N, C-alpha and C. Protein backbone atom coordinates (compact mmCIF):
# COMPACT_ATOMS: atom_id res chain seq x y z
N MET A 1 113.58 116.22 27.20
CA MET A 1 113.14 114.80 27.42
C MET A 1 114.17 113.92 26.94
N LYS A 2 114.78 114.32 25.71
CA LYS A 2 115.54 113.43 25.21
C LYS A 2 116.93 113.32 25.75
N HIS A 3 117.34 114.60 26.24
CA HIS A 3 118.67 114.42 27.25
C HIS A 3 118.23 113.37 28.17
N ILE A 4 117.65 113.27 28.96
CA ILE A 4 117.06 112.65 30.19
C ILE A 4 117.13 111.05 29.68
N ARG A 5 116.27 110.80 28.63
CA ARG A 5 116.19 109.50 27.86
C ARG A 5 117.49 108.93 27.50
N GLU A 6 118.36 109.58 27.05
CA GLU A 6 119.81 109.10 26.41
C GLU A 6 120.54 108.97 27.73
N LYS A 7 120.34 109.94 28.73
CA LYS A 7 121.37 109.61 29.84
C LYS A 7 120.92 108.30 30.69
N LEU A 8 119.86 108.06 30.65
CA LEU A 8 119.12 106.73 31.12
C LEU A 8 119.45 105.43 30.29
N GLY A 9 119.94 105.72 29.22
CA GLY A 9 120.04 104.59 28.02
C GLY A 9 118.53 104.05 27.49
N LEU A 10 117.53 104.61 27.90
CA LEU A 10 116.31 104.34 27.34
C LEU A 10 115.74 104.58 25.72
N SER A 11 115.19 103.67 25.25
CA SER A 11 114.68 103.89 23.70
C SER A 11 113.13 104.92 24.14
N GLN A 12 113.02 105.26 22.68
CA GLN A 12 111.84 106.37 22.90
C GLN A 12 110.48 105.33 23.34
N ILE A 13 110.61 104.38 23.06
CA ILE A 13 109.35 103.50 23.22
C ILE A 13 109.40 103.23 24.73
N ASP A 14 110.52 102.98 25.43
CA ASP A 14 110.73 102.88 26.79
C ASP A 14 110.21 104.23 27.55
N MET A 15 110.59 105.34 27.13
CA MET A 15 110.71 106.48 27.67
C MET A 15 109.17 106.99 27.44
N GLY A 16 108.64 106.74 26.57
CA GLY A 16 107.03 106.63 26.09
C GLY A 16 106.40 106.04 27.15
N SER A 17 106.57 104.77 27.49
CA SER A 17 105.83 104.19 28.19
C SER A 17 105.97 104.49 30.00
N LEU A 18 107.23 105.00 30.04
CA LEU A 18 107.48 105.48 31.39
C LEU A 18 106.66 106.73 31.78
N LEU A 19 106.16 107.58 30.36
CA LEU A 19 105.43 108.60 30.73
C LEU A 19 104.24 108.36 30.34
N GLY A 20 103.77 107.24 29.76
CA GLY A 20 102.45 107.00 29.60
C GLY A 20 101.72 107.44 28.32
N MET A 21 102.84 107.25 27.14
CA MET A 21 102.32 107.70 25.90
C MET A 21 103.00 106.82 24.81
N PRO A 22 102.22 106.85 23.65
CA PRO A 22 103.27 105.94 22.51
C PRO A 22 104.57 106.41 22.09
N ARG A 23 105.07 105.67 21.65
CA ARG A 23 106.54 105.99 20.64
C ARG A 23 106.34 107.31 19.93
N SER A 24 105.50 107.26 18.88
CA SER A 24 105.21 108.44 18.10
C SER A 24 105.06 109.77 18.72
N SER A 25 104.25 109.53 19.84
CA SER A 25 103.87 110.89 20.60
C SER A 25 105.41 111.30 21.38
N ALA A 26 106.21 110.31 21.77
CA ALA A 26 107.60 110.71 22.24
C ALA A 26 108.49 111.16 21.49
N SER A 27 108.56 110.75 20.41
CA SER A 27 109.42 111.64 19.30
C SER A 27 108.94 113.02 18.93
N MET A 28 107.77 112.84 19.04
CA MET A 28 107.18 114.42 18.69
C MET A 28 107.54 115.52 19.81
N TYR A 29 107.55 115.04 21.17
CA TYR A 29 107.83 115.71 22.29
C TYR A 29 109.20 116.18 22.22
N GLU A 30 109.76 115.00 21.77
CA GLU A 30 111.43 115.39 21.92
C GLU A 30 112.03 116.32 20.60
N ILE A 31 111.40 116.53 19.82
CA ILE A 31 111.67 117.14 18.64
C ILE A 31 110.74 118.94 18.94
N GLY A 32 109.91 118.86 19.83
CA GLY A 32 109.25 120.00 20.23
C GLY A 32 107.89 120.30 19.65
N LEU A 33 107.40 119.37 18.95
CA LEU A 33 106.18 119.56 18.07
C LEU A 33 105.09 119.58 19.20
N ARG A 34 105.09 118.77 20.10
CA ARG A 34 104.19 118.69 21.19
C ARG A 34 104.56 119.10 22.75
N ASN A 35 103.65 119.47 23.64
CA ASN A 35 104.17 119.70 24.83
C ASN A 35 103.73 118.67 25.78
N LEU A 36 104.56 118.66 26.73
CA LEU A 36 103.95 117.42 27.76
C LEU A 36 102.90 118.13 28.59
N ASN A 37 102.02 117.21 29.25
CA ASN A 37 101.20 117.56 30.30
C ASN A 37 101.62 117.82 31.63
N HIS A 38 101.10 118.30 32.49
CA HIS A 38 101.66 118.74 33.57
C HIS A 38 102.03 117.49 34.65
N ARG A 39 101.39 116.47 34.46
CA ARG A 39 101.52 115.04 34.96
C ARG A 39 103.06 114.58 34.49
N GLN A 40 103.14 114.46 33.05
CA GLN A 40 104.27 114.09 32.64
C GLN A 40 105.52 115.00 32.67
N LEU A 41 105.32 116.64 32.71
CA LEU A 41 106.25 117.22 33.49
C LEU A 41 106.73 116.88 34.71
N ALA A 42 105.78 116.91 35.71
CA ALA A 42 106.43 116.45 37.13
C ALA A 42 106.87 115.19 36.99
N LEU A 43 106.80 114.09 36.34
CA LEU A 43 107.51 112.74 36.49
C LEU A 43 108.91 112.97 35.85
N LEU A 44 109.33 113.87 34.76
CA LEU A 44 110.33 114.12 34.34
C LEU A 44 111.15 114.88 35.17
N SER A 45 110.62 115.76 35.61
CA SER A 45 111.43 116.55 36.72
C SER A 45 111.79 115.80 37.93
N LYS A 46 111.00 114.67 38.46
CA LYS A 46 111.36 113.91 39.67
C LYS A 46 112.49 113.10 38.83
N ILE A 47 112.21 112.62 37.76
CA ILE A 47 113.38 111.41 37.27
C ILE A 47 114.93 112.39 37.16
N GLU A 48 114.77 113.65 36.99
CA GLU A 48 115.95 114.51 36.67
C GLU A 48 116.57 114.54 38.14
N MET A 49 115.70 114.48 39.28
CA MET A 49 116.20 115.18 40.53
C MET A 49 116.53 113.60 40.87
N LEU A 50 116.07 112.78 40.88
CA LEU A 50 116.59 111.56 41.03
C LEU A 50 117.92 111.28 40.75
N MET A 51 118.12 111.59 39.13
CA MET A 51 119.24 111.75 38.49
C MET A 51 120.60 112.25 39.23
N GLN A 52 120.11 113.44 39.70
CA GLN A 52 121.02 114.34 40.23
C GLN A 52 121.11 114.06 41.87
N GLY A 53 120.50 112.97 42.31
CA GLY A 53 120.84 112.78 43.71
C GLY A 53 120.15 113.65 44.66
N GLU A 54 119.18 114.27 44.14
CA GLU A 54 118.55 115.21 45.11
C GLU A 54 116.77 114.42 45.34
N LEU A 55 117.06 113.65 46.23
CA LEU A 55 116.08 112.70 46.52
C LEU A 55 115.06 113.85 47.45
N GLU A 56 113.65 113.80 47.24
CA GLU A 56 112.98 114.50 48.53
C GLU A 56 112.62 113.09 49.45
N ILE A 57 112.60 113.68 50.64
CA ILE A 57 112.29 112.38 51.73
C ILE A 57 110.78 112.43 51.76
N LYS A 58 110.32 111.36 52.03
CA LYS A 58 108.90 110.60 51.66
C LYS A 58 108.81 111.02 53.02
N PRO A 59 107.37 111.19 53.38
CA PRO A 59 106.62 111.02 54.82
C PRO A 59 107.16 110.08 55.59
N PHE A 60 106.99 108.66 55.04
CA PHE A 60 107.49 107.80 55.93
C PHE A 60 108.98 107.59 56.26
N GLU A 61 109.85 108.04 55.54
CA GLU A 61 111.20 108.28 56.01
C GLU A 61 111.32 109.16 56.96
N GLU A 62 110.53 110.36 56.83
CA GLU A 62 110.62 111.67 57.88
C GLU A 62 110.24 110.84 59.20
N ILE A 63 109.05 110.27 58.95
CA ILE A 63 108.50 109.29 60.69
C ILE A 63 109.75 108.61 60.91
N LYS A 64 110.50 107.74 60.17
CA LYS A 64 111.12 106.70 60.48
C LYS A 64 112.53 107.47 60.98
N THR A 65 113.00 108.74 60.40
CA THR A 65 114.01 109.53 61.13
C THR A 65 113.32 109.96 62.57
N LYS A 66 112.42 110.39 62.66
CA LYS A 66 111.85 110.81 63.71
C LYS A 66 111.92 109.92 65.01
N ALA A 67 111.53 108.73 64.48
CA ALA A 67 111.29 107.42 65.39
C ALA A 67 112.78 107.14 65.71
N GLN A 68 113.85 107.43 64.85
CA GLN A 68 115.10 106.84 65.15
C GLN A 68 115.58 108.23 66.17
N GLN A 69 115.12 109.26 65.94
CA GLN A 69 115.68 110.21 66.82
C GLN A 69 114.99 110.12 68.23
N ASN A 70 113.94 109.63 68.22
CA ASN A 70 113.36 109.52 69.54
C ASN A 70 114.05 108.43 70.34
N THR A 71 114.13 107.18 69.46
CA THR A 71 114.81 106.35 70.03
C THR A 71 116.29 106.41 70.64
N ALA A 72 117.04 107.48 69.79
CA ALA A 72 118.21 107.66 70.38
C ALA A 72 118.18 108.47 71.45
N VAL A 73 117.19 109.43 71.67
CA VAL A 73 116.76 110.19 72.96
C VAL A 73 116.56 109.37 73.98
N MET A 74 115.57 108.49 73.77
CA MET A 74 115.17 107.37 74.86
C MET A 74 116.71 106.73 75.46
N ILE A 75 117.09 106.42 74.38
CA ILE A 75 118.43 105.38 74.79
C ILE A 75 119.55 106.55 75.69
N LYS A 76 119.54 107.33 75.18
CA LYS A 76 120.47 108.41 76.16
C LYS A 76 119.90 108.51 77.32
N ASN A 77 118.70 108.82 77.57
CA ASN A 77 117.90 108.90 78.95
C ASN A 77 118.15 107.61 79.76
N MET A 78 117.93 106.78 79.11
CA MET A 78 117.83 105.42 79.98
C MET A 78 119.43 105.25 80.31
N GLU A 79 120.67 105.56 79.52
CA GLU A 79 121.92 105.36 79.72
C GLU A 79 122.19 106.38 81.16
N GLN A 80 121.55 107.36 80.89
CA GLN A 80 121.80 108.56 82.04
C GLN A 80 121.24 107.96 83.43
N ARG A 81 119.99 107.45 83.31
CA ARG A 81 119.23 106.68 84.40
C ARG A 81 119.84 105.62 85.20
N ILE A 82 120.59 104.86 83.98
CA ILE A 82 121.71 103.75 84.63
C ILE A 82 122.85 104.48 85.44
N ASP A 83 123.30 105.27 84.83
CA ASP A 83 124.57 106.06 85.51
C ASP A 83 124.25 106.57 87.06
N LYS A 84 122.95 107.33 86.83
CA LYS A 84 122.49 107.73 88.38
C LYS A 84 122.24 106.64 89.30
N ALA A 85 121.63 105.62 88.85
CA ALA A 85 121.33 104.51 89.62
C ALA A 85 122.55 104.06 90.09
N VAL A 86 123.31 103.81 89.28
CA VAL A 86 124.70 102.92 89.67
C VAL A 86 125.55 104.04 90.62
N PHE A 87 125.54 105.30 90.50
CA PHE A 87 126.06 106.47 91.39
C PHE A 87 125.56 106.01 92.79
N ASP A 88 124.02 106.32 92.87
CA ASP A 88 123.06 106.11 93.78
C ASP A 88 123.19 104.69 94.62
N CYS A 89 123.49 103.81 93.89
CA CYS A 89 124.02 102.36 94.57
C CYS A 89 125.21 102.52 95.43
N LEU A 90 126.13 103.15 94.73
CA LEU A 90 127.59 103.43 95.40
C LEU A 90 127.43 104.07 96.52
N LYS A 91 126.47 105.02 96.52
CA LYS A 91 126.46 105.96 97.90
C LYS A 91 125.95 104.78 99.10
N LEU A 92 124.82 104.44 98.43
CA LEU A 92 123.91 103.60 99.75
C LEU A 92 124.73 102.45 100.14
N GLN A 93 125.86 101.64 99.09
CA GLN A 93 126.71 100.84 99.56
C GLN A 93 127.70 101.16 100.90
N ARG A 94 128.06 102.44 100.58
CA ARG A 94 128.80 103.07 101.36
C ARG A 94 128.47 103.33 102.74
N LYS A 95 126.96 104.12 102.59
CA LYS A 95 126.12 104.11 103.84
C LYS A 95 125.97 102.84 104.70
N LEU A 96 125.51 101.76 104.12
CA LEU A 96 125.52 100.55 104.51
C LEU A 96 126.46 99.84 105.53
N THR A 97 127.64 100.16 104.55
CA THR A 97 128.76 99.64 105.15
C THR A 97 128.99 100.44 106.53
N ALA A 98 128.74 101.72 106.32
CA ALA A 98 129.22 102.64 107.69
C ALA A 98 128.07 102.31 108.69
N LEU A 99 126.86 101.94 108.41
CA LEU A 99 125.78 101.72 109.11
C LEU A 99 126.29 100.11 109.90
N ILE A 100 126.83 99.44 108.88
CA ILE A 100 127.06 97.82 109.53
C ILE A 100 128.29 97.94 110.60
N ALA A 101 129.15 99.15 110.36
CA ALA A 101 130.47 99.04 111.35
C ALA A 101 130.10 99.46 112.49
N ASP A 102 129.06 100.81 112.29
CA ASP A 102 128.63 101.32 113.68
C ASP A 102 127.88 100.42 114.33
N TYR A 103 126.91 99.56 113.84
CA TYR A 103 126.00 98.47 114.24
C TYR A 103 126.96 97.49 115.13
N THR A 104 128.10 97.21 114.61
CA THR A 104 129.04 96.22 115.24
C THR A 104 129.78 96.68 116.49
N LYS A 105 130.16 97.94 116.18
CA LYS A 105 130.90 98.82 117.38
C LYS A 105 129.83 99.05 118.47
N THR A 106 128.54 99.43 118.06
CA THR A 106 127.48 99.53 119.15
C THR A 106 127.16 98.16 119.70
N GLU A 107 127.20 97.12 119.09
CA GLU A 107 127.01 95.76 119.69
C GLU A 107 128.08 95.34 120.70
N LEU A 108 129.35 95.62 120.28
CA LEU A 108 130.40 95.34 120.96
C LEU A 108 130.42 96.08 122.38
N LEU A 109 130.17 97.67 121.99
CA LEU A 109 129.89 98.18 123.43
C LEU A 109 128.83 98.05 124.44
N TRP A 110 127.68 97.64 123.65
CA TRP A 110 126.34 97.07 124.82
C TRP A 110 126.81 95.77 125.14
N GLY A 111 127.44 94.80 124.56
CA GLY A 111 127.81 93.67 125.28
C GLY A 111 128.87 94.01 126.47
N ILE A 112 130.14 94.94 126.59
CA ILE A 112 130.65 95.61 127.44
C ILE A 112 129.91 96.00 128.63
N ILE A 113 129.25 96.98 128.42
CA ILE A 113 128.23 97.47 129.34
C ILE A 113 127.55 96.76 129.98
N SER A 114 126.79 95.54 129.38
CA SER A 114 125.99 94.47 129.96
C SER A 114 126.84 93.94 131.06
N ARG A 115 127.78 93.49 130.67
CA ARG A 115 129.05 92.59 131.68
C ARG A 115 129.27 93.42 132.65
N LEU A 116 129.73 94.89 132.34
CA LEU A 116 130.07 95.78 133.59
C LEU A 116 128.93 96.15 134.73
N LYS A 117 127.79 96.14 134.17
CA LYS A 117 126.72 96.40 134.82
C LYS A 117 126.36 95.01 135.89
N GLU A 118 126.58 94.05 135.21
CA GLU A 118 126.64 92.87 136.26
C GLU A 118 127.24 92.70 137.46
N GLU A 119 128.63 93.46 137.00
CA GLU A 119 129.65 93.43 138.13
C GLU A 119 129.63 94.57 138.79
N THR A 120 128.99 95.78 138.53
CA THR A 120 129.10 96.90 139.39
C THR A 120 127.88 96.83 140.39
N PRO A 121 128.18 97.67 141.48
CA PRO A 121 127.16 97.82 142.59
C PRO A 121 126.20 99.05 142.05
N GLU A 122 124.99 98.93 142.67
CA GLU A 122 123.84 99.67 142.29
C GLU A 122 124.40 101.17 142.97
N ARG A 123 123.86 102.24 142.36
CA ARG A 123 123.96 103.63 142.91
C ARG A 123 125.30 104.09 143.11
N THR A 124 126.04 103.84 142.15
CA THR A 124 127.73 104.28 142.18
C THR A 124 127.65 104.91 140.94
N PRO A 125 128.91 106.02 140.90
CA PRO A 125 128.90 106.77 139.68
C PRO A 125 128.97 105.90 138.37
N LEU A 126 129.95 104.88 138.39
CA LEU A 126 130.09 104.05 137.36
C LEU A 126 128.72 103.40 136.81
N MET A 127 127.86 102.99 137.85
CA MET A 127 126.56 102.55 137.09
C MET A 127 125.61 103.60 136.46
N VAL A 128 125.93 104.62 136.99
CA VAL A 128 125.17 105.97 136.55
C VAL A 128 125.55 106.01 135.13
N TYR A 129 126.89 106.29 135.01
CA TYR A 129 127.45 106.24 133.70
C TYR A 129 126.97 105.14 132.50
N LEU A 130 127.06 103.87 133.17
CA LEU A 130 126.80 102.75 132.39
C LEU A 130 125.28 102.82 131.87
N ASP A 131 124.38 103.28 132.67
CA ASP A 131 122.93 103.60 132.17
C ASP A 131 123.05 104.57 131.21
N LEU A 132 123.92 105.77 131.51
CA LEU A 132 123.74 106.42 130.29
C LEU A 132 124.39 105.91 128.94
N LEU A 133 125.27 105.28 128.92
CA LEU A 133 126.07 104.79 128.03
C LEU A 133 125.00 103.64 127.21
N GLU A 134 124.25 102.85 128.09
CA GLU A 134 123.10 102.19 127.64
C GLU A 134 122.15 102.73 126.86
N ILE A 135 121.86 104.07 127.18
CA ILE A 135 120.68 104.93 126.54
C ILE A 135 121.36 105.28 125.23
N ARG A 136 122.62 105.62 125.26
CA ARG A 136 123.25 106.07 123.88
C ARG A 136 123.54 104.90 122.95
N CYS A 137 123.64 103.86 123.54
CA CYS A 137 123.75 102.50 122.77
C CYS A 137 122.29 102.28 122.06
N LEU A 138 121.25 102.51 122.79
CA LEU A 138 119.79 102.20 122.17
C LEU A 138 119.51 103.19 121.03
N GLU A 139 119.96 104.39 121.35
CA GLU A 139 119.66 105.49 120.31
C GLU A 139 120.51 105.05 119.13
N LYS A 140 121.59 104.83 119.39
CA LYS A 140 122.67 104.59 117.90
C LYS A 140 122.05 103.27 117.39
N ILE A 141 121.57 102.29 118.03
CA ILE A 141 120.81 101.07 117.40
C ILE A 141 119.92 101.45 116.50
N ASP A 142 119.12 102.40 117.00
CA ASP A 142 117.72 103.07 116.48
C ASP A 142 118.23 103.59 115.22
N LYS A 143 119.52 104.29 114.98
CA LYS A 143 119.87 104.81 113.87
C LYS A 143 120.70 104.03 112.73
N CYS A 144 121.52 102.96 113.12
CA CYS A 144 121.94 102.19 112.51
C CYS A 144 121.72 100.42 112.77
N GLY A 145 120.58 100.26 113.28
CA GLY A 145 120.26 98.78 113.42
C GLY A 145 119.79 97.94 112.27
N PRO A 146 119.34 96.88 112.45
CA PRO A 146 118.96 96.06 111.09
C PRO A 146 117.88 96.49 110.44
N HIS A 147 116.87 97.24 110.99
CA HIS A 147 115.82 97.86 109.91
C HIS A 147 116.21 98.95 109.43
N GLN A 148 117.19 100.00 109.74
CA GLN A 148 117.93 100.83 108.78
C GLN A 148 118.69 100.02 107.74
N GLN A 149 119.45 98.84 108.20
CA GLN A 149 120.24 98.41 107.13
C GLN A 149 119.25 97.50 105.99
N ALA A 150 118.04 97.25 106.52
CA ALA A 150 117.17 96.54 105.78
C ALA A 150 116.58 97.53 104.54
N GLU A 151 116.31 98.60 105.24
CA GLU A 151 115.70 99.68 104.35
C GLU A 151 116.69 100.22 103.14
N ILE A 152 118.14 100.33 103.62
CA ILE A 152 119.21 100.57 102.60
C ILE A 152 119.15 99.48 101.56
N ILE A 153 119.14 98.24 102.10
CA ILE A 153 119.50 97.25 101.03
C ILE A 153 118.03 96.88 100.20
N PHE A 154 116.88 97.10 100.75
CA PHE A 154 115.83 97.24 99.60
C PHE A 154 115.90 98.47 98.52
N ARG A 155 116.37 99.59 99.06
CA ARG A 155 116.72 100.73 98.16
C ARG A 155 117.78 100.33 96.95
N ILE A 156 118.97 99.44 97.70
CA ILE A 156 119.92 99.30 96.67
C ILE A 156 119.14 97.98 95.95
N LYS A 157 118.65 97.24 96.34
CA LYS A 157 117.91 96.43 95.22
C LYS A 157 116.96 96.93 94.32
N THR A 158 116.30 98.04 94.45
CA THR A 158 115.33 98.58 93.85
C THR A 158 116.00 99.16 92.88
N LEU A 159 117.23 99.92 93.10
CA LEU A 159 118.11 100.75 92.03
C LEU A 159 118.59 99.41 90.98
N GLU A 160 119.02 98.50 91.58
CA GLU A 160 119.83 97.54 90.52
C GLU A 160 118.67 97.04 89.64
N HIS A 161 117.33 96.74 90.22
CA HIS A 161 116.55 96.26 89.40
C HIS A 161 116.08 97.50 88.52
N GLU A 162 115.88 98.80 88.72
CA GLU A 162 115.77 99.54 87.79
C GLU A 162 116.76 99.89 86.66
N GLN A 163 118.17 99.34 87.04
CA GLN A 163 119.33 99.33 85.99
C GLN A 163 119.02 98.27 85.17
N ALA A 164 118.82 97.25 85.58
CA ALA A 164 118.47 95.95 84.66
C ALA A 164 117.08 96.16 83.64
N LEU A 165 116.08 96.68 84.31
CA LEU A 165 115.08 97.13 83.37
C LEU A 165 115.46 98.11 82.32
N ALA A 166 116.40 99.15 82.57
CA ALA A 166 116.91 100.16 81.92
C ALA A 166 117.49 99.82 80.41
N GLN A 167 118.54 98.80 80.91
CA GLN A 167 119.72 98.23 80.22
C GLN A 167 118.73 97.13 79.17
N THR A 168 117.60 96.27 79.60
CA THR A 168 116.74 95.78 78.74
C THR A 168 115.98 96.56 77.91
N MET A 169 115.77 98.01 78.25
CA MET A 169 115.06 98.60 77.35
C MET A 169 116.07 99.22 76.24
N ILE A 170 117.11 99.49 76.79
CA ILE A 170 118.24 99.85 75.72
C ILE A 170 118.60 98.90 74.71
N GLU A 171 118.72 97.65 75.14
CA GLU A 171 119.10 96.57 74.14
C GLU A 171 117.62 96.29 73.08
N GLU A 172 116.90 96.31 73.55
CA GLU A 172 115.48 96.06 72.78
C GLU A 172 115.26 97.50 71.45
N ALA A 173 115.31 98.52 72.25
CA ALA A 173 115.48 99.59 71.12
C ALA A 173 116.70 99.55 70.36
N LYS A 174 117.67 99.26 70.64
CA LYS A 174 118.84 99.12 69.54
C LYS A 174 118.62 97.99 68.55
N LEU A 175 117.79 96.93 69.20
CA LEU A 175 117.58 96.11 68.08
C LEU A 175 116.63 96.24 67.21
N ARG A 176 115.69 97.35 67.51
CA ARG A 176 114.49 97.75 66.65
C ARG A 176 115.29 98.66 65.37
N ARG A 177 116.22 99.10 65.90
CA ARG A 177 116.90 100.11 64.93
C ARG A 177 116.93 99.70 63.57
């Protein structure tokens, strides 16, 4: 007890008060005429551990640490979702660009077919071929037309919205740390 008291620079009165005893009792404990009770021994042990820097983690600190770990995991997951959404957006943008290009070509072909059909006599091999091309154009328009483009645009907007929400969640989580 004396060793701890001197290391902390406390008087016997201060040490006695800290342990919940009068100064006279503190001096008797120091010279070995009395024994400390279990509460006082536990307090002295804790003080000694604190002096050595061996702090025990309190439950609140464990919870806080666990919450920080959970937040870090959540941030990592959100960042991964953002990365995946960005990648998916790029793929959809490329697909949309290809659809628009195909649709533009198909529209041009449709216009040419329509003009040629106006000038071509009925029941000729050219008219039969133009009818066939017209059917192919309709099939292609079904695959790359405005409705398909609108669906991809909607998916891109949804992914962009998810990215923005995830980024907001990350920023809020970082502020709470």
